[in-house]
Structures are given as C-alpha cells and as structure tokens.
Amino acid sequence: MKVAMVGHHYPHAAHREEFVSRVHRTAEVFRRTPGCLSAEYWLTADGDAVVSIVRWESEEASRASLAAVQAAPELDLVFDEREVRPREIVRLVAPRPSLL
C-alpha cells in the first residue's frame, strides 16, 4: 500500500531562501532511499509556505526512509525560530483499488 507525507512549513521571510535550500537537500536524500517513489517541494502562490510531498511504495519504506533522513548528518531538520509557526504534517494512505 502506497503512503505519502505532505508537510507545510512556514519560514520567516528572512529565512525563506535558506529554508527552501534545506528542503531541497532533504528531498534529495529522501529520493536516494529505497522505496521512495518521489520527493518534491512547492511554494504556495503567496510565498508564505513551503510544501513538501514525499511518496513511498509502503509503510515500511516510509519508516526506513524517515529514519535515514533523520540520521543524515548533512541535513538541518531542526524546527526553531527560523519558522513562523509549527510545521503541519499530514500522513496519507492510498486506498485499495477495490475502494475506488
């Protein structure tokens, strides 16, 4: 069963460019993990948020991928004063084909 994660991140305007760079590097690491189908990020039209979207082939791949990203020493994943408000993370699960 495919799973996904959608994260909304709200960097301060002064840190937006740096934050986008951090998200870019994180997406690159996600894409190198087994079972990751895609990892990308978008900016909202008003520029207030960075939206990250990661898809995996299974829940097991998701867990392993998240663990690998969290352990990657080259990534800065810390939530701190560079962000205006807490991140909003939503986990998604693809419905079984018989439910469509």
PDB file of N, CA and C in Angstrom:
ATOM      1  N   MET A   1       0.839  -1.167   0.000  1.00  0.00           N
ATOM      2  CA  MET A   1       0.000   0.000   0.000  1.00  0.00           C
ATOM      3  C   MET A   1       0.891   1.239   0.000  1.00  0.00           C
ATOM      4  N   LYS A   2       0.663   2.132  -0.926  1.00  0.00           N
ATOM      5  CA  LYS A   2       1.444   3.363  -1.016  1.00  0.00           C
ATOM      6  C   LYS A   2       1.050   4.317   0.105  1.00  0.00           C
ATOM      7  N   VAL A   3       2.051   5.052   0.593  1.00  0.00           N
ATOM      8  CA  VAL A   3       1.821   6.059   1.620  1.00  0.00           C
ATOM      9  C   VAL A   3       2.531   7.342   1.207  1.00  0.00           C
ATOM     10  N   ALA A   4       2.114   8.435   1.820  1.00  0.00           N
ATOM     11  CA  ALA A   4       2.707   9.726   1.499  1.00  0.00           C
ATOM     12  C   ALA A   4       2.709  10.612   2.736  1.00  0.00           C
ATOM     13  N   MET A   5       3.468  11.673   2.635  1.00  0.00           N
ATOM     14  CA  MET A   5       3.527  12.676   3.685  1.00  0.00           C
ATOM     15  C   MET A   5       3.518  14.040   3.001  1.00  0.00           C
ATOM     16  N   VAL A   6       2.662  14.924   3.490  1.00  0.00           N
ATOM     17  CA  VAL A   6       2.614  16.299   2.997  1.00  0.00           C
ATOM     18  C   VAL A   6       2.924  17.197   4.181  1.00  0.00           C
ATOM     19  N   GLY A   7       3.950  18.012   4.040  1.00  0.00           N
ATOM     20  CA  GLY A   7       4.329  18.916   5.121  1.00  0.00           C
ATOM     21  C   GLY A   7       4.211  20.360   4.689  1.00  0.00           C
ATOM     22  N   HIS A   8       3.592  21.166   5.524  1.00  0.00           N
ATOM     23  CA  HIS A   8       3.523  22.607   5.301  1.00  0.00           C
ATOM     24  C   HIS A   8       4.495  23.255   6.285  1.00  0.00           C
ATOM     25  N   HIS A   9       5.410  24.020   5.767  1.00  0.00           N
ATOM     26  CA  HIS A   9       6.440  24.677   6.563  1.00  0.00           C
ATOM     27  C   HIS A   9       6.296  26.182   6.366  1.00  0.00           C
ATOM     28  N   TYR A  10       6.501  26.937   7.429  1.00  0.00           N
ATOM     29  CA  TYR A  10       6.259  28.378   7.391  1.00  0.00           C
ATOM     30  C   TYR A  10       7.503  29.158   7.826  1.00  0.00           C
ATOM     31  N   PRO A  11       8.476  29.297   6.940  1.00  0.00           N
ATOM     32  CA  PRO A  11       9.689  30.028   7.317  1.00  0.00           C
ATOM     33  C   PRO A  11       9.436  31.544   7.375  1.00  0.00           C
ATOM     34  N   HIS A  12      10.184  32.209   8.265  1.00  0.00           N
ATOM     35  CA  HIS A  12      10.175  33.681   8.265  1.00  0.00           C
ATOM     36  C   HIS A  12      10.697  34.144   6.909  1.00  0.00           C
ATOM     37  N   ALA A  13      10.214  35.257   6.429  1.00  0.00           N
ATOM     38  CA  ALA A  13      10.639  35.787   5.121  1.00  0.00           C
ATOM     39  C   ALA A  13      12.155  35.904   5.039  1.00  0.00           C
ATOM     40  N   ALA A  14      12.793  36.306   6.118  1.00  0.00           N
ATOM     41  CA  ALA A  14      14.252  36.476   6.121  1.00  0.00           C
ATOM     42  C   ALA A  14      14.994  35.155   5.964  1.00  0.00           C
ATOM     43  N   HIS A  15      14.321  34.048   6.246  1.00  0.00           N
ATOM     44  CA  HIS A  15      14.954  32.720   6.182  1.00  0.00           C
ATOM     45  C   HIS A  15      14.400  31.859   5.054  1.00  0.00           C
ATOM     46  N   ARG A  16      13.507  32.408   4.241  1.00  0.00           N
ATOM     47  CA  ARG A  16      12.811  31.609   3.220  1.00  0.00           C
ATOM     48  C   ARG A  16      13.791  30.950   2.240  1.00  0.00           C
ATOM     49  N   GLU A  17      14.721  31.718   1.687  1.00  0.00           N
ATOM     50  CA  GLU A  17      15.653  31.154   0.708  1.00  0.00           C
ATOM     51  C   GLU A  17      16.481  30.030   1.322  1.00  0.00           C
ATOM     52  N   GLU A  18      16.982  30.254   2.520  1.00  0.00           N
ATOM     53  CA  GLU A  18      17.756  29.227   3.218  1.00  0.00           C
ATOM     54  C   GLU A  18      16.889  27.997   3.480  1.00  0.00           C
ATOM     55  N   PHE A  19      15.640  28.223   3.879  1.00  0.00           N
ATOM     56  CA  PHE A  19      14.747  27.110   4.183  1.00  0.00           C
ATOM     57  C   PHE A  19      14.459  26.284   2.939  1.00  0.00           C
ATOM     58  N   VAL A  20      14.205  26.951   1.832  1.00  0.00           N
ATOM     59  CA  VAL A  20      13.962  26.230   0.572  1.00  0.00           C
ATOM     60  C   VAL A  20      15.184  25.378   0.230  1.00  0.00           C
ATOM     61  N   SER A  21      16.370  25.898   0.458  1.00  0.00           N
ATOM     62  CA  SER A  21      17.592  25.130   0.212  1.00  0.00           C
ATOM     63  C   SER A  21      17.650  23.901   1.127  1.00  0.00           C
ATOM     64  N   ARG A  22      17.270  24.060   2.384  1.00  0.00           N
ATOM     65  CA  ARG A  22      17.245  22.930   3.319  1.00  0.00           C
ATOM     66  C   ARG A  22      16.262  21.862   2.853  1.00  0.00           C
ATOM     67  N   VAL A  23      15.079  22.284   2.418  1.00  0.00           N
ATOM     68  CA  VAL A  23      14.058  21.339   1.946  1.00  0.00           C
ATOM     69  C   VAL A  23      14.541  20.637   0.677  1.00  0.00           C
ATOM     70  N   HIS A  24      15.211  21.378  -0.192  1.00  0.00           N
ATOM     71  CA  HIS A  24      15.762  20.794  -1.420  1.00  0.00           C
ATOM     72  C   HIS A  24      16.746  19.671  -1.084  1.00  0.00           C
ATOM     73  N   ARG A  25      17.665  19.932  -0.168  1.00  0.00           N
ATOM     74  CA  ARG A  25      18.653  18.909   0.219  1.00  0.00           C
ATOM     75  C   ARG A  25      17.969  17.704   0.864  1.00  0.00           C
ATOM     76  N   THR A  26      16.961  17.957   1.673  1.00  0.00           N
ATOM     77  CA  THR A  26      16.230  16.858   2.318  1.00  0.00           C
ATOM     78  C   THR A  26      15.529  15.997   1.269  1.00  0.00           C
ATOM     79  N   ALA A  27      14.898  16.626   0.279  1.00  0.00           N
ATOM     80  CA  ALA A  27      14.227  15.873  -0.790  1.00  0.00           C
ATOM     81  C   ALA A  27      15.227  15.007  -1.548  1.00  0.00           C
ATOM     82  N   GLU A  28      16.426  15.527  -1.783  1.00  0.00           N
ATOM     83  CA  GLU A  28      17.449  14.736  -2.475  1.00  0.00           C
ATOM     84  C   GLU A  28      17.795  13.481  -1.686  1.00  0.00           C
ATOM     85  N   VAL A  29      17.923  13.597  -0.367  1.00  0.00           N
ATOM     86  CA  VAL A  29      18.237  12.431   0.469  1.00  0.00           C
ATOM     87  C   VAL A  29      17.067  11.456   0.462  1.00  0.00           C
ATOM     88  N   PHE A  30      15.840  11.956   0.595  1.00  0.00           N
ATOM     89  CA  PHE A  30      14.676  11.073   0.524  1.00  0.00           C
ATOM     90  C   PHE A  30      14.691  10.266  -0.771  1.00  0.00           C
ATOM     91  N   ARG A  31      14.931  10.928  -1.898  1.00  0.00           N
ATOM     92  CA  ARG A  31      14.878  10.250  -3.200  1.00  0.00           C
ATOM     93  C   ARG A  31      15.903   9.123  -3.314  1.00  0.00           C
ATOM     94  N   ARG A  32      16.976   9.178  -2.550  1.00  0.00           N
ATOM     95  CA  ARG A  32      18.004   8.133  -2.605  1.00  0.00           C
ATOM     96  C   ARG A  32      17.666   6.927  -1.728  1.00  0.00           C
ATOM     97  N   THR A  33      16.609   7.009  -0.936  1.00  0.00           N
ATOM     98  CA  THR A  33      16.291   5.898  -0.043  1.00  0.00           C
ATOM     99  C   THR A  33      15.430   4.857  -0.766  1.00  0.00           C
ATOM    100  N   PRO A  34      15.657   3.571  -0.463  1.00  0.00           N
ATOM    101  CA  PRO A  34      14.872   2.513  -1.098  1.00  0.00           C
ATOM    102  C   PRO A  34      13.381   2.682  -0.810  1.00  0.00           C
ATOM    103  N   GLY A  35      12.579   2.503  -1.836  1.00  0.00           N
ATOM    104  CA  GLY A  35      11.138   2.555  -1.678  1.00  0.00           C
ATOM    105  C   GLY A  35      10.528   3.939  -1.774  1.00  0.00           C
ATOM    106  N   CYS A  36      11.355   4.975  -1.897  1.00  0.00           N
ATOM    107  CA  CYS A  36      10.817   6.324  -2.072  1.00  0.00           C
ATOM    108  C   CYS A  36      10.446   6.494  -3.543  1.00  0.00           C
ATOM    109  N   LEU A  37       9.193   6.803  -3.789  1.00  0.00           N
ATOM    110  CA  LEU A  37       8.714   6.975  -5.161  1.00  0.00           C
ATOM    111  C   LEU A  37       8.946   8.394  -5.676  1.00  0.00           C
ATOM    112  N   SER A  38       8.851   9.364  -4.793  1.00  0.00           N
ATOM    113  CA  SER A  38       9.111  10.752  -5.186  1.00  0.00           C
ATOM    114  C   SER A  38       9.256  11.613  -3.938  1.00  0.00           C
ATOM    115  N   ALA A  39       9.974  12.701  -4.098  1.00  0.00           N
ATOM    116  CA  ALA A  39      10.128  13.705  -3.041  1.00  0.00           C
ATOM    117  C   ALA A  39      10.298  15.039  -3.746  1.00  0.00           C
ATOM    118  N   GLU A  40       9.384  15.936  -3.461  1.00  0.00           N
ATOM    119  CA  GLU A  40       9.430  17.236  -4.109  1.00  0.00           C
ATOM    120  C   GLU A  40       8.917  18.299  -3.150  1.00  0.00           C
ATOM    121  N   TYR A  41       9.067  19.542  -3.543  1.00  0.00           N
ATOM    122  CA  TYR A  41       8.577  20.631  -2.714  1.00  0.00           C
ATOM    123  C   TYR A  41       8.045  21.727  -3.622  1.00  0.00           C
ATOM    124  N   TRP A  42       7.123  22.469  -3.074  1.00  0.00           N
ATOM    125  CA  TRP A  42       6.451  23.535  -3.799  1.00  0.00           C
ATOM    126  C   TRP A  42       6.388  24.755  -2.888  1.00  0.00           C
ATOM    127  N   LEU A  43       6.195  25.905  -3.477  1.00  0.00           N
ATOM    128  CA  LEU A  43       5.945  27.126  -2.721  1.00  0.00           C
ATOM    129  C   LEU A  43       4.491  27.512  -2.937  1.00  0.00           C
ATOM    130  N   THR A  44       3.821  27.954  -1.886  1.00  0.00           N
ATOM    131  CA  THR A  44       2.457  28.422  -2.072  1.00  0.00           C
ATOM    132  C   THR A  44       2.498  29.702  -2.906  1.00  0.00           C
ATOM    133  N   ALA A  45       1.410  29.989  -3.603  1.00  0.00           N
ATOM    134  CA  ALA A  45       1.370  31.144  -4.501  1.00  0.00           C
ATOM    135  C   ALA A  45       1.659  32.445  -3.771  1.00  0.00           C
ATOM    136  N   ASP A  46       1.270  32.533  -2.505  1.00  0.00           N
ATOM    137  CA  ASP A  46       1.538  33.761  -1.750  1.00  0.00           C
ATOM    138  C   ASP A  46       2.945  33.778  -1.149  1.00  0.00           C
ATOM    139  N   GLY A  47       3.667  32.667  -1.282  1.00  0.00           N
ATOM    140  CA  GLY A  47       5.041  32.596  -0.797  1.00  0.00           C
ATOM    141  C   GLY A  47       5.183  32.398   0.696  1.00  0.00           C
ATOM    142  N   ASP A  48       4.072  32.221   1.397  1.00  0.00           N
ATOM    143  CA  ASP A  48       4.131  32.088   2.850  1.00  0.00           C
ATOM    144  C   ASP A  48       4.571  30.710   3.334  1.00  0.00           C
ATOM    145  N   ALA A  49       4.386  29.691   2.496  1.00  0.00           N
ATOM    146  CA  ALA A  49       4.684  28.332   2.949  1.00  0.00           C
ATOM    147  C   ALA A  49       5.475  27.563   1.909  1.00  0.00           C
ATOM    148  N   VAL A  50       6.233  26.609   2.406  1.00  0.00           N
ATOM    149  CA  VAL A  50       6.924  25.627   1.575  1.00  0.00           C
ATOM    150  C   VAL A  50       6.201  24.305   1.848  1.00  0.00           C
ATOM    151  N   VAL A  51       5.761  23.650   0.792  1.00  0.00           N
ATOM    152  CA  VAL A  51       5.022  22.396   0.933  1.00  0.00           C
ATOM    153  C   VAL A  51       5.894  21.270   0.405  1.00  0.00           C
ATOM    154  N   SER A  52       6.171  20.312   1.263  1.00  0.00           N
ATOM    155  CA  SER A  52       6.966  19.154   0.848  1.00  0.00           C
ATOM    156  C   SER A  52       6.044  17.949   0.718  1.00  0.00           C
ATOM    157  N   ILE A  53       6.305  17.149  -0.316  1.00  0.00           N
ATOM    158  CA  ILE A  53       5.478  15.981  -0.596  1.00  0.00           C
ATOM    159  C   ILE A  53       6.410  14.803  -0.872  1.00  0.00           C
ATOM    160  N   VAL A  54       6.253  13.743  -0.086  1.00  0.00           N
ATOM    161  CA  VAL A  54       7.069  12.541  -0.269  1.00  0.00           C
ATOM    162  C   VAL A  54       6.131  11.352  -0.379  1.00  0.00           C
ATOM    163  N   ARG A  55       6.406  10.474  -1.356  1.00  0.00           N
ATOM    164  CA  ARG A  55       5.593   9.272  -1.575  1.00  0.00           C
ATOM    165  C   ARG A  55       6.482   8.036  -1.496  1.00  0.00           C
ATOM    166  N   TRP A  56       5.939   6.972  -0.878  1.00  0.00           N
ATOM    167  CA  TRP A  56       6.665   5.709  -0.743  1.00  0.00           C
ATOM    168  C   TRP A  56       5.817   4.557  -1.230  1.00  0.00           C
ATOM    169  N   GLU A  57       6.484   3.460  -1.533  1.00  0.00           N
ATOM    170  CA  GLU A  57       5.772   2.271  -2.002  1.00  0.00           C
ATOM    171  C   GLU A  57       5.110   1.504  -0.863  1.00  0.00           C
ATOM    172  N   SER A  58       5.513   1.759   0.388  1.00  0.00           N
ATOM    173  CA  SER A  58       4.927   1.036   1.520  1.00  0.00           C
ATOM    174  C   SER A  58       5.197   1.792   2.819  1.00  0.00           C
ATOM    175  N   GLU A  59       4.478   1.389   3.852  1.00  0.00           N
ATOM    176  CA  GLU A  59       4.697   1.964   5.185  1.00  0.00           C
ATOM    177  C   GLU A  59       6.103   1.618   5.681  1.00  0.00           C
ATOM    178  N   GLU A  60       6.563   0.420   5.394  1.00  0.00           N
ATOM    179  CA  GLU A  60       7.904   0.013   5.812  1.00  0.00           C
ATOM    180  C   GLU A  60       8.962   0.892   5.152  1.00  0.00           C
ATOM    181  N   ALA A  61       8.800   1.164   3.871  1.00  0.00           N
ATOM    182  CA  ALA A  61       9.740   2.033   3.156  1.00  0.00           C
ATOM    183  C   ALA A  61       9.702   3.440   3.744  1.00  0.00           C
ATOM    184  N   SER A  62       8.520   3.901   4.111  1.00  0.00           N
ATOM    185  CA  SER A  62       8.377   5.222   4.720  1.00  0.00           C
ATOM    186  C   SER A  62       9.155   5.299   6.026  1.00  0.00           C
ATOM    187  N   ARG A  63       8.960   4.321   6.890  1.00  0.00           N
ATOM    188  CA  ARG A  63       9.659   4.325   8.187  1.00  0.00           C
ATOM    189  C   ARG A  63      11.176   4.300   8.005  1.00  0.00           C
ATOM    190  N   ALA A  64      11.656   3.438   7.115  1.00  0.00           N
ATOM    191  CA  ALA A  64      13.098   3.334   6.882  1.00  0.00           C
ATOM    192  C   ALA A  64      13.646   4.625   6.286  1.00  0.00           C
ATOM    193  N   SER A  65      12.914   5.207   5.360  1.00  0.00           N
ATOM    194  CA  SER A  65      13.329   6.444   4.708  1.00  0.00           C
ATOM    195  C   SER A  65      13.385   7.599   5.701  1.00  0.00           C
ATOM    196  N   LEU A  66      12.357   7.721   6.531  1.00  0.00           N
ATOM    197  CA  LEU A  66      12.337   8.780   7.545  1.00  0.00           C
ATOM    198  C   LEU A  66      13.498   8.629   8.517  1.00  0.00           C
ATOM    199  N   ALA A  67      13.781   7.390   8.920  1.00  0.00           N
ATOM    200  CA  ALA A  67      14.898   7.149   9.837  1.00  0.00           C
ATOM    201  C   ALA A  67      16.225   7.546   9.185  1.00  0.00           C
ATOM    202  N   ALA A  68      16.390   7.216   7.912  1.00  0.00           N
ATOM    203  CA  ALA A  68      17.631   7.562   7.202  1.00  0.00           C
ATOM    204  C   ALA A  68      17.792   9.070   7.089  1.00  0.00           C
ATOM    205  N   VAL A  69      16.715   9.764   6.785  1.00  0.00           N
ATOM    206  CA  VAL A  69      16.785  11.226   6.654  1.00  0.00           C
ATOM    207  C   VAL A  69      17.082  11.859   8.002  1.00  0.00           C
ATOM    208  N   GLN A  70      16.435  11.387   9.057  1.00  0.00           N
ATOM    209  CA  GLN A  70      16.665  11.951  10.383  1.00  0.00           C
ATOM    210  C   GLN A  70      18.088  11.706  10.874  1.00  0.00           C
ATOM    211  N   ALA A  71      18.723  10.641  10.399  1.00  0.00           N
ATOM    212  CA  ALA A  71      20.092  10.326  10.807  1.00  0.00           C
ATOM    213  C   ALA A  71      21.149  10.975   9.914  1.00  0.00           C
ATOM    214  N   ALA A  72      20.737  11.593   8.814  1.00  0.00           N
ATOM    215  CA  ALA A  72      21.693  12.176   7.862  1.00  0.00           C
ATOM    216  C   ALA A  72      22.349  13.414   8.478  1.00  0.00           C
ATOM    217  N   PRO A  73      23.647  13.356   8.730  1.00  0.00           N
ATOM    218  CA  PRO A  73      24.317  14.471   9.410  1.00  0.00           C
ATOM    219  C   PRO A  73      24.375  15.755   8.578  1.00  0.00           C
ATOM    220  N   GLU A  74      24.217  15.650   7.272  1.00  0.00           N
ATOM    221  CA  GLU A  74      24.314  16.832   6.415  1.00  0.00           C
ATOM    222  C   GLU A  74      23.020  17.642   6.358  1.00  0.00           C
ATOM    223  N   LEU A  75      21.954  17.134   6.995  1.00  0.00           N
ATOM    224  CA  LEU A  75      20.669  17.820   6.925  1.00  0.00           C
ATOM    225  C   LEU A  75      20.384  18.605   8.199  1.00  0.00           C
ATOM    226  N   ASP A  76      19.740  19.739   8.033  1.00  0.00           N
ATOM    227  CA  ASP A  76      19.304  20.583   9.150  1.00  0.00           C
ATOM    228  C   ASP A  76      17.787  20.485   9.205  1.00  0.00           C
ATOM    229  N   LEU A  77      17.276  19.635  10.096  1.00  0.00           N
ATOM    230  CA  LEU A  77      15.843  19.386  10.189  1.00  0.00           C
ATOM    231  C   LEU A  77      15.208  20.057  11.410  1.00  0.00           C
ATOM    232  N   VAL A  78      15.973  20.836  12.116  1.00  0.00           N
ATOM    233  CA  VAL A  78      15.529  21.430  13.370  1.00  0.00           C
ATOM    234  C   VAL A  78      14.415  22.451  13.143  1.00  0.00           C
ATOM    235  N   PHE A  79      13.374  22.360  13.961  1.00  0.00           N
ATOM    236  CA  PHE A  79      12.350  23.402  13.994  1.00  0.00           C
ATOM    237  C   PHE A  79      12.821  24.422  15.022  1.00  0.00           C
ATOM    238  N   ASP A  80      12.937  25.657  14.609  1.00  0.00           N
ATOM    239  CA  ASP A  80      13.412  26.696  15.526  1.00  0.00           C
ATOM    240  C   ASP A  80      12.843  28.051  15.130  1.00  0.00           C
ATOM    241  N   GLU A  81      13.459  29.109  15.632  1.00  0.00           N
ATOM    242  CA  GLU A  81      12.945  30.472  15.423  1.00  0.00           C
ATOM    243  C   GLU A  81      12.978  30.921  13.968  1.00  0.00           C
ATOM    244  N   ARG A  82      13.560  30.136  13.070  1.00  0.00           N
ATOM    245  CA  ARG A  82      13.540  30.480  11.647  1.00  0.00           C
ATOM    246  C   ARG A  82      12.171  30.256  11.025  1.00  0.00           C
ATOM    247  N   GLU A  83      11.311  29.576  11.764  1.00  0.00           N
ATOM    248  CA  GLU A  83       9.965  29.307  11.260  1.00  0.00           C
ATOM    249  C   GLU A  83       8.934  30.095  12.066  1.00  0.00           C
ATOM    250  N   VAL A  84       7.943  30.624  11.368  1.00  0.00           N
ATOM    251  CA  VAL A  84       6.917  31.470  11.958  1.00  0.00           C
ATOM    252  C   VAL A  84       5.979  30.684  12.867  1.00  0.00           C
ATOM    253  N   ARG A  85       5.637  29.478  12.456  1.00  0.00           N
ATOM    254  CA  ARG A  85       4.715  28.653  13.227  1.00  0.00           C
ATOM    255  C   ARG A  85       5.059  27.189  13.024  1.00  0.00           C
ATOM    256  N   PRO A  86       4.492  26.318  13.856  1.00  0.00           N
ATOM    257  CA  PRO A  86       4.818  24.892  13.743  1.00  0.00           C
ATOM    258  C   PRO A  86       4.473  24.314  12.374  1.00  0.00           C
ATOM    259  N   ARG A  87       5.250  23.333  11.999  1.00  0.00           N
ATOM    260  CA  ARG A  87       5.001  22.609  10.749  1.00  0.00           C
ATOM    261  C   ARG A  87       3.708  21.815  10.868  1.00  0.00           C
ATOM    262  N   GLU A  88       3.044  21.653   9.752  1.00  0.00           N
ATOM    263  CA  GLU A  88       1.832  20.833   9.707  1.00  0.00           C
ATOM    264  C   GLU A  88       2.137  19.647   8.801  1.00  0.00           C
ATOM    265  N   ILE A  89       2.150  18.456   9.388  1.00  0.00           N
ATOM    266  CA  ILE A  89       2.498  17.240   8.654  1.00  0.00           C
ATOM    267  C   ILE A  89       1.264  16.341   8.589  1.00  0.00           C
ATOM    268  N   VAL A  90       0.919  15.919   7.382  1.00  0.00           N
ATOM    269  CA  VAL A  90      -0.221  15.027   7.179  1.00  0.00           C
ATOM    270  C   VAL A  90       0.284  13.755   6.516  1.00  0.00           C
ATOM    271  N   ARG A  91      -0.060  12.623   7.100  1.00  0.00           N
ATOM    272  CA  ARG A  91       0.283  11.317   6.520  1.00  0.00           C
ATOM    273  C   ARG A  91      -0.917  10.840   5.707  1.00  0.00           C
ATOM    274  N   LEU A  92      -0.652  10.299   4.535  1.00  0.00           N
ATOM    275  CA  LEU A  92      -1.699   9.819   3.640  1.00  0.00           C
ATOM    276  C   LEU A  92      -1.482   8.340   3.326  1.00  0.00           C
ATOM    277  N   VAL A  93      -2.569   7.635   3.110  1.00  0.00           N
ATOM    278  CA  VAL A  93      -2.528   6.224   2.727  1.00  0.00           C
ATOM    279  C   VAL A  93      -3.406   6.073   1.495  1.00  0.00           C
ATOM    280  N   ALA A  94      -2.866   5.442   0.451  1.00  0.00           N
ATOM    281  CA  ALA A  94      -3.643   5.219  -0.772  1.00  0.00           C
ATOM    282  C   ALA A  94      -4.720   4.180  -0.501  1.00  0.00           C
ATOM    283  N   PRO A  95      -5.936   4.426  -0.986  1.00  0.00           N
ATOM    284  CA  PRO A  95      -6.994   3.428  -0.807  1.00  0.00           C
ATOM    285  C   PRO A  95      -6.706   2.197  -1.652  1.00  0.00           C
ATOM    286  N   ARG A  96      -7.244   1.090  -1.219  1.00  0.00           N
ATOM    287  CA  ARG A  96      -7.126  -0.130  -2.014  1.00  0.00           C
ATOM    288  C   ARG A  96      -7.882   0.093  -3.323  1.00  0.00           C
ATOM    289  N   PRO A  97      -7.394  -0.450  -4.432  1.00  0.00           N
ATOM    290  CA  PRO A  97      -8.082  -0.263  -5.720  1.00  0.00           C
ATOM    291  C   PRO A  97      -9.556  -0.661  -5.690  1.00  0.00           C
ATOM    292  N   SER A  98      -9.898  -1.643  -4.875  1.00  0.00           N
ATOM    293  CA  SER A  98     -11.298  -2.093  -4.824  1.00  0.00           C
ATOM    294  C   SER A  98     -12.210  -1.026  -4.221  1.00  0.00           C
ATOM    295  N   LEU A  99     -11.641  -0.034  -3.547  1.00  0.00           N
ATOM    296  CA  LEU A  99     -12.451   1.024  -2.953  1.00  0.00           C
ATOM    297  C   LEU A  99     -12.694   2.181  -3.901  1.00  0.00           C
ATOM    298  N   LEU A 100     -12.028   2.184  -5.041  1.00  0.00           N
ATOM    299  CA  LEU A 100     -12.180   3.292  -5.989  1.00  0.00           C
ATOM    300  C   LEU A 100     -13.345   3.105  -6.906  1.00  0.00           C
TER     301      LEU A 100
END
